[in-house]
Amino acid sequence: MGMTNIHQSSGVFSLAGADVIVQATIADHGGSVLLNGRNFDQTELDDLTDWIRDRRGDTWLARDRQRLLSPGPPPYPLPIPTVHTHPGLSRERLLPASPDIEAPQDDLSKFAFLLVIRGRNAAELTKVRVVYSLFAASAVAIEGSSTGYSVVFSAALLRRDVAKLTEYGLDLEKVNSRTELDAPGSRRVVRLIR
């Protein structure tokens, strides 16, 4: 495991999908955070579907004995939080690699970014945030880690699909490329880039 310093918020996702774990000190944060560039699998995504569908802005949700979600208190913080930076938060994965594809090189405006945040009692309390820029996603990750919470999941989706996230019976599907993310599909499926 290596060690690095991050001087700008955009550096939080510099290892997105790199399949490495690096301990980092973030400027203006003061503490340490682990950056984990791993990928996620479909099973992990399936386990998060209820939390993602029932998200409520900046509110922590707790699961009761009937498996229903309702607002809950903040979880206990972690001594060293982890920010999982999945490949979907990599500019290289989202922007077209070829000038033949019709999109400006720096146009990330068609994407939204999903982050799942948890503390020490992760199975019981979760917060899900959807933001509309990589800068905002970095800010959410830094805010969470500076208060002792981990970003356990992060992914990109098309902005047009955000409203569908609240539908019951929804399937979340992991895809490998921007082309697959843009492909026509079922109304009941939201694709997240891995």
Protein backbone atom coordinates (compact mmCIF):
# COMPACT_ATOMS: atom_id res chain seq x y z
CA MET A 1 0.00 0.00 0.00
CA GLY A 2 1.40 3.37 -1.05
CA MET A 3 0.91 6.82 0.41
CA THR A 4 0.09 10.12 -1.30
CA ASN A 5 -1.09 13.65 -0.68
CA ILE A 6 -4.12 15.11 -2.41
CA HIS A 7 -4.03 18.87 -2.91
CA GLN A 8 -7.23 19.33 -4.95
CA SER A 9 -10.61 17.71 -4.51
CA SER A 10 -10.44 16.24 -8.02
CA GLY A 11 -7.52 14.10 -6.85
CA VAL A 12 -9.90 11.96 -4.82
CA PHE A 13 -10.91 10.12 -8.00
CA SER A 14 -7.45 10.03 -9.57
CA LEU A 15 -7.21 6.30 -8.82
CA ALA A 16 -10.69 5.45 -10.09
CA GLY A 17 -10.59 1.84 -11.23
CA ALA A 18 -6.84 1.44 -10.70
CA ASP A 19 -7.32 -1.63 -8.45
CA VAL A 20 -4.92 -0.28 -5.81
CA ILE A 21 -5.26 0.90 -2.23
CA VAL A 22 -3.41 4.07 -1.26
CA GLN A 23 -3.36 5.91 2.04
CA ALA A 24 -3.79 9.62 1.41
CA THR A 25 -3.70 12.85 3.32
CA ILE A 26 -6.13 15.38 1.88
CA ALA A 27 -5.21 19.07 2.14
CA ASP A 28 -7.59 20.99 4.45
CA HIS A 29 -8.76 17.62 5.86
CA GLY A 30 -6.00 16.93 8.33
CA GLY A 31 -6.59 13.18 8.67
CA SER A 32 -5.88 10.11 6.62
CA VAL A 33 -8.17 8.36 4.20
CA LEU A 34 -7.76 5.16 2.21
CA LEU A 35 -8.39 5.46 -1.52
CA ASN A 36 -9.46 2.15 -2.98
CA GLY A 37 -9.60 2.03 -6.79
CA ARG A 38 -11.44 -1.29 -6.96
CA ASN A 39 -14.33 -2.26 -9.21
CA PHE A 40 -17.80 -3.30 -8.02
CA ASP A 41 -19.75 -6.37 -9.04
CA GLN A 42 -23.44 -6.87 -9.87
CA THR A 43 -24.12 -8.59 -6.50
CA GLU A 44 -22.89 -5.53 -4.61
CA LEU A 45 -25.08 -3.31 -6.77
CA ASP A 46 -28.11 -5.57 -6.16
CA ASP A 47 -27.53 -5.33 -2.38
CA LEU A 48 -27.63 -1.52 -2.56
CA THR A 49 -30.80 -1.20 -4.69
CA ASP A 50 -33.20 -0.52 -1.76
CA TRP A 51 -30.89 2.11 -0.27
CA ILE A 52 -30.47 3.82 -3.65
CA ARG A 53 -34.19 3.76 -4.46
CA ASP A 54 -35.25 5.12 -1.03
CA ARG A 55 -32.52 7.78 -0.73
CA ARG A 56 -33.55 11.08 0.86
CA GLY A 57 -30.99 13.74 0.05
CA ASP A 58 -28.54 14.28 2.87
CA THR A 59 -30.42 12.05 5.35
CA TRP A 60 -29.06 8.92 7.03
CA LEU A 61 -31.39 5.96 6.59
CA ALA A 62 -31.78 3.06 9.03
CA ARG A 63 -33.18 -0.38 8.24
CA ASP A 64 -35.70 -1.71 10.76
CA ARG A 65 -36.58 -5.34 11.56
CA GLN A 66 -39.14 -5.44 8.75
CA ARG A 67 -36.35 -4.31 6.37
CA LEU A 68 -38.04 -0.93 5.84
CA LEU A 69 -35.91 2.20 5.61
CA SER A 70 -36.55 5.34 7.63
CA PRO A 71 -34.49 8.35 8.78
CA GLY A 72 -31.95 7.48 11.46
CA PRO A 73 -29.14 9.04 13.49
CA PRO A 74 -25.64 9.41 12.01
CA PRO A 75 -23.53 6.25 12.41
CA TYR A 76 -20.37 6.03 14.46
CA PRO A 77 -17.39 7.40 12.50
CA LEU A 78 -14.44 5.28 11.40
CA PRO A 79 -10.87 6.04 12.52
CA ILE A 80 -9.61 5.87 8.91
CA PRO A 81 -12.42 6.05 6.34
CA THR A 82 -12.14 4.60 2.84
CA VAL A 83 -13.22 6.20 -0.43
CA HIS A 84 -13.96 3.50 -3.02
CA THR A 85 -13.29 5.08 -6.40
CA HIS A 86 -14.89 2.84 -8.96
CA PRO A 87 -13.93 3.24 -12.64
CA GLY A 88 -17.22 5.00 -13.47
CA LEU A 89 -15.82 8.14 -11.85
CA SER A 90 -12.89 8.31 -14.22
CA ARG A 91 -13.03 11.12 -16.82
CA GLU A 92 -11.31 8.78 -19.26
CA ARG A 93 -14.13 6.23 -18.93
CA LEU A 94 -16.87 8.82 -19.43
CA LEU A 95 -15.51 11.02 -22.19
CA PRO A 96 -15.31 9.84 -25.80
CA ALA A 97 -11.94 8.52 -26.83
CA SER A 98 -12.50 9.19 -30.51
CA PRO A 99 -13.35 12.42 -32.35
CA ASP A 100 -15.84 10.32 -34.37
CA ILE A 101 -18.19 10.27 -31.35
CA GLU A 102 -20.38 13.38 -31.28
CA ALA A 103 -19.71 15.00 -27.89
CA PRO A 104 -17.39 17.73 -26.72
CA GLN A 105 -14.29 16.31 -25.01
CA ASP A 106 -15.08 17.98 -21.69
CA ASP A 107 -18.85 17.47 -21.65
CA LEU A 108 -19.72 15.62 -18.46
CA SER A 109 -23.07 17.42 -18.13
CA LYS A 110 -25.10 14.41 -19.28
CA PHE A 111 -23.94 12.36 -16.26
CA ALA A 112 -24.94 12.12 -12.62
CA PHE A 113 -22.77 10.55 -9.94
CA LEU A 114 -24.02 8.23 -7.22
CA LEU A 115 -22.21 7.82 -3.90
CA VAL A 116 -23.16 5.50 -1.02
CA ILE A 117 -21.78 6.60 2.36
CA ARG A 118 -21.52 4.51 5.53
CA GLY A 119 -19.93 4.63 8.96
CA ARG A 120 -18.82 2.00 11.44
CA ASN A 121 -22.27 0.34 11.71
CA ALA A 122 -22.53 0.10 7.93
CA ALA A 123 -25.20 -2.59 7.70
CA GLU A 124 -27.62 -0.44 9.70
CA LEU A 125 -27.15 3.14 8.50
CA THR A 126 -26.55 4.47 5.00
CA LYS A 127 -26.69 7.77 3.13
CA VAL A 128 -26.99 7.91 -0.66
CA ARG A 129 -26.11 11.07 -2.55
CA VAL A 130 -26.67 11.89 -6.22
CA VAL A 131 -24.72 14.85 -7.57
CA TYR A 132 -24.27 16.30 -11.04
CA SER A 133 -20.54 16.92 -11.42
CA LEU A 134 -17.28 15.17 -10.60
CA PHE A 135 -16.33 18.21 -8.53
CA ALA A 136 -19.48 17.79 -6.41
CA ALA A 137 -18.81 14.04 -6.10
CA SER A 138 -15.28 14.83 -4.86
CA ALA A 139 -16.70 17.35 -2.38
CA VAL A 140 -19.16 14.76 -1.02
CA ALA A 141 -16.34 12.20 -0.68
CA ILE A 142 -14.09 14.68 1.13
CA GLU A 143 -16.92 15.87 3.40
CA GLY A 144 -17.78 12.27 4.30
CA SER A 145 -14.22 11.18 4.94
CA SER A 146 -13.42 14.31 6.98
CA THR A 147 -16.23 13.34 9.38
CA GLY A 148 -15.17 9.68 9.55
CA TYR A 149 -17.48 8.14 6.97
CA SER A 150 -16.56 5.94 4.01
CA VAL A 151 -17.77 6.14 0.43
CA VAL A 152 -18.44 2.42 -0.05
CA PHE A 153 -19.80 2.70 -3.57
CA SER A 154 -19.53 5.22 -6.40
CA ALA A 155 -20.71 5.12 -9.99
CA ALA A 156 -21.82 7.27 -12.92
CA LEU A 157 -25.21 7.12 -14.62
CA LEU A 158 -26.99 9.20 -17.21
CA ARG A 159 -28.63 12.30 -15.76
CA ARG A 160 -31.88 11.41 -17.53
CA ASP A 161 -32.08 8.19 -15.46
CA VAL A 162 -31.90 9.82 -12.00
CA ALA A 163 -35.70 10.16 -11.71
CA LYS A 164 -36.09 6.42 -12.41
CA LEU A 165 -33.97 5.56 -9.34
CA THR A 166 -37.01 5.92 -7.05
CA GLU A 167 -39.20 3.42 -8.92
CA TYR A 168 -40.07 0.11 -7.25
CA GLY A 169 -39.25 -2.96 -9.29
CA LEU A 170 -36.26 -1.13 -10.74
CA ASP A 171 -33.19 -3.10 -11.77
CA LEU A 172 -29.75 -1.56 -11.57
CA GLU A 173 -27.36 -2.94 -14.16
CA LYS A 174 -23.60 -2.67 -14.22
CA VAL A 175 -22.13 -1.85 -17.64
CA ASN A 176 -18.54 -1.58 -18.81
CA SER A 177 -18.50 1.36 -21.20
CA ARG A 178 -20.09 4.66 -22.10
CA THR A 179 -21.47 3.03 -25.25
CA GLU A 180 -23.38 0.48 -23.13
CA LEU A 181 -24.53 3.26 -20.81
CA ASP A 182 -26.01 5.19 -23.77
CA ALA A 183 -27.63 2.14 -25.42
CA PRO A 184 -31.45 2.03 -25.49
CA GLY A 185 -32.94 -0.25 -22.87
CA SER A 186 -35.90 -1.07 -20.69
CA ARG A 187 -37.72 1.63 -18.73
CA ARG A 188 -37.22 -0.51 -15.61
CA VAL A 189 -33.43 -0.58 -15.83
CA VAL A 190 -30.89 2.04 -14.83
CA ARG A 191 -27.36 1.36 -16.01
CA LEU A 192 -24.33 2.35 -13.93
CA ILE A 193 -20.90 2.40 -15.47
CA ARG A 194 -18.40 0.22 -13.68
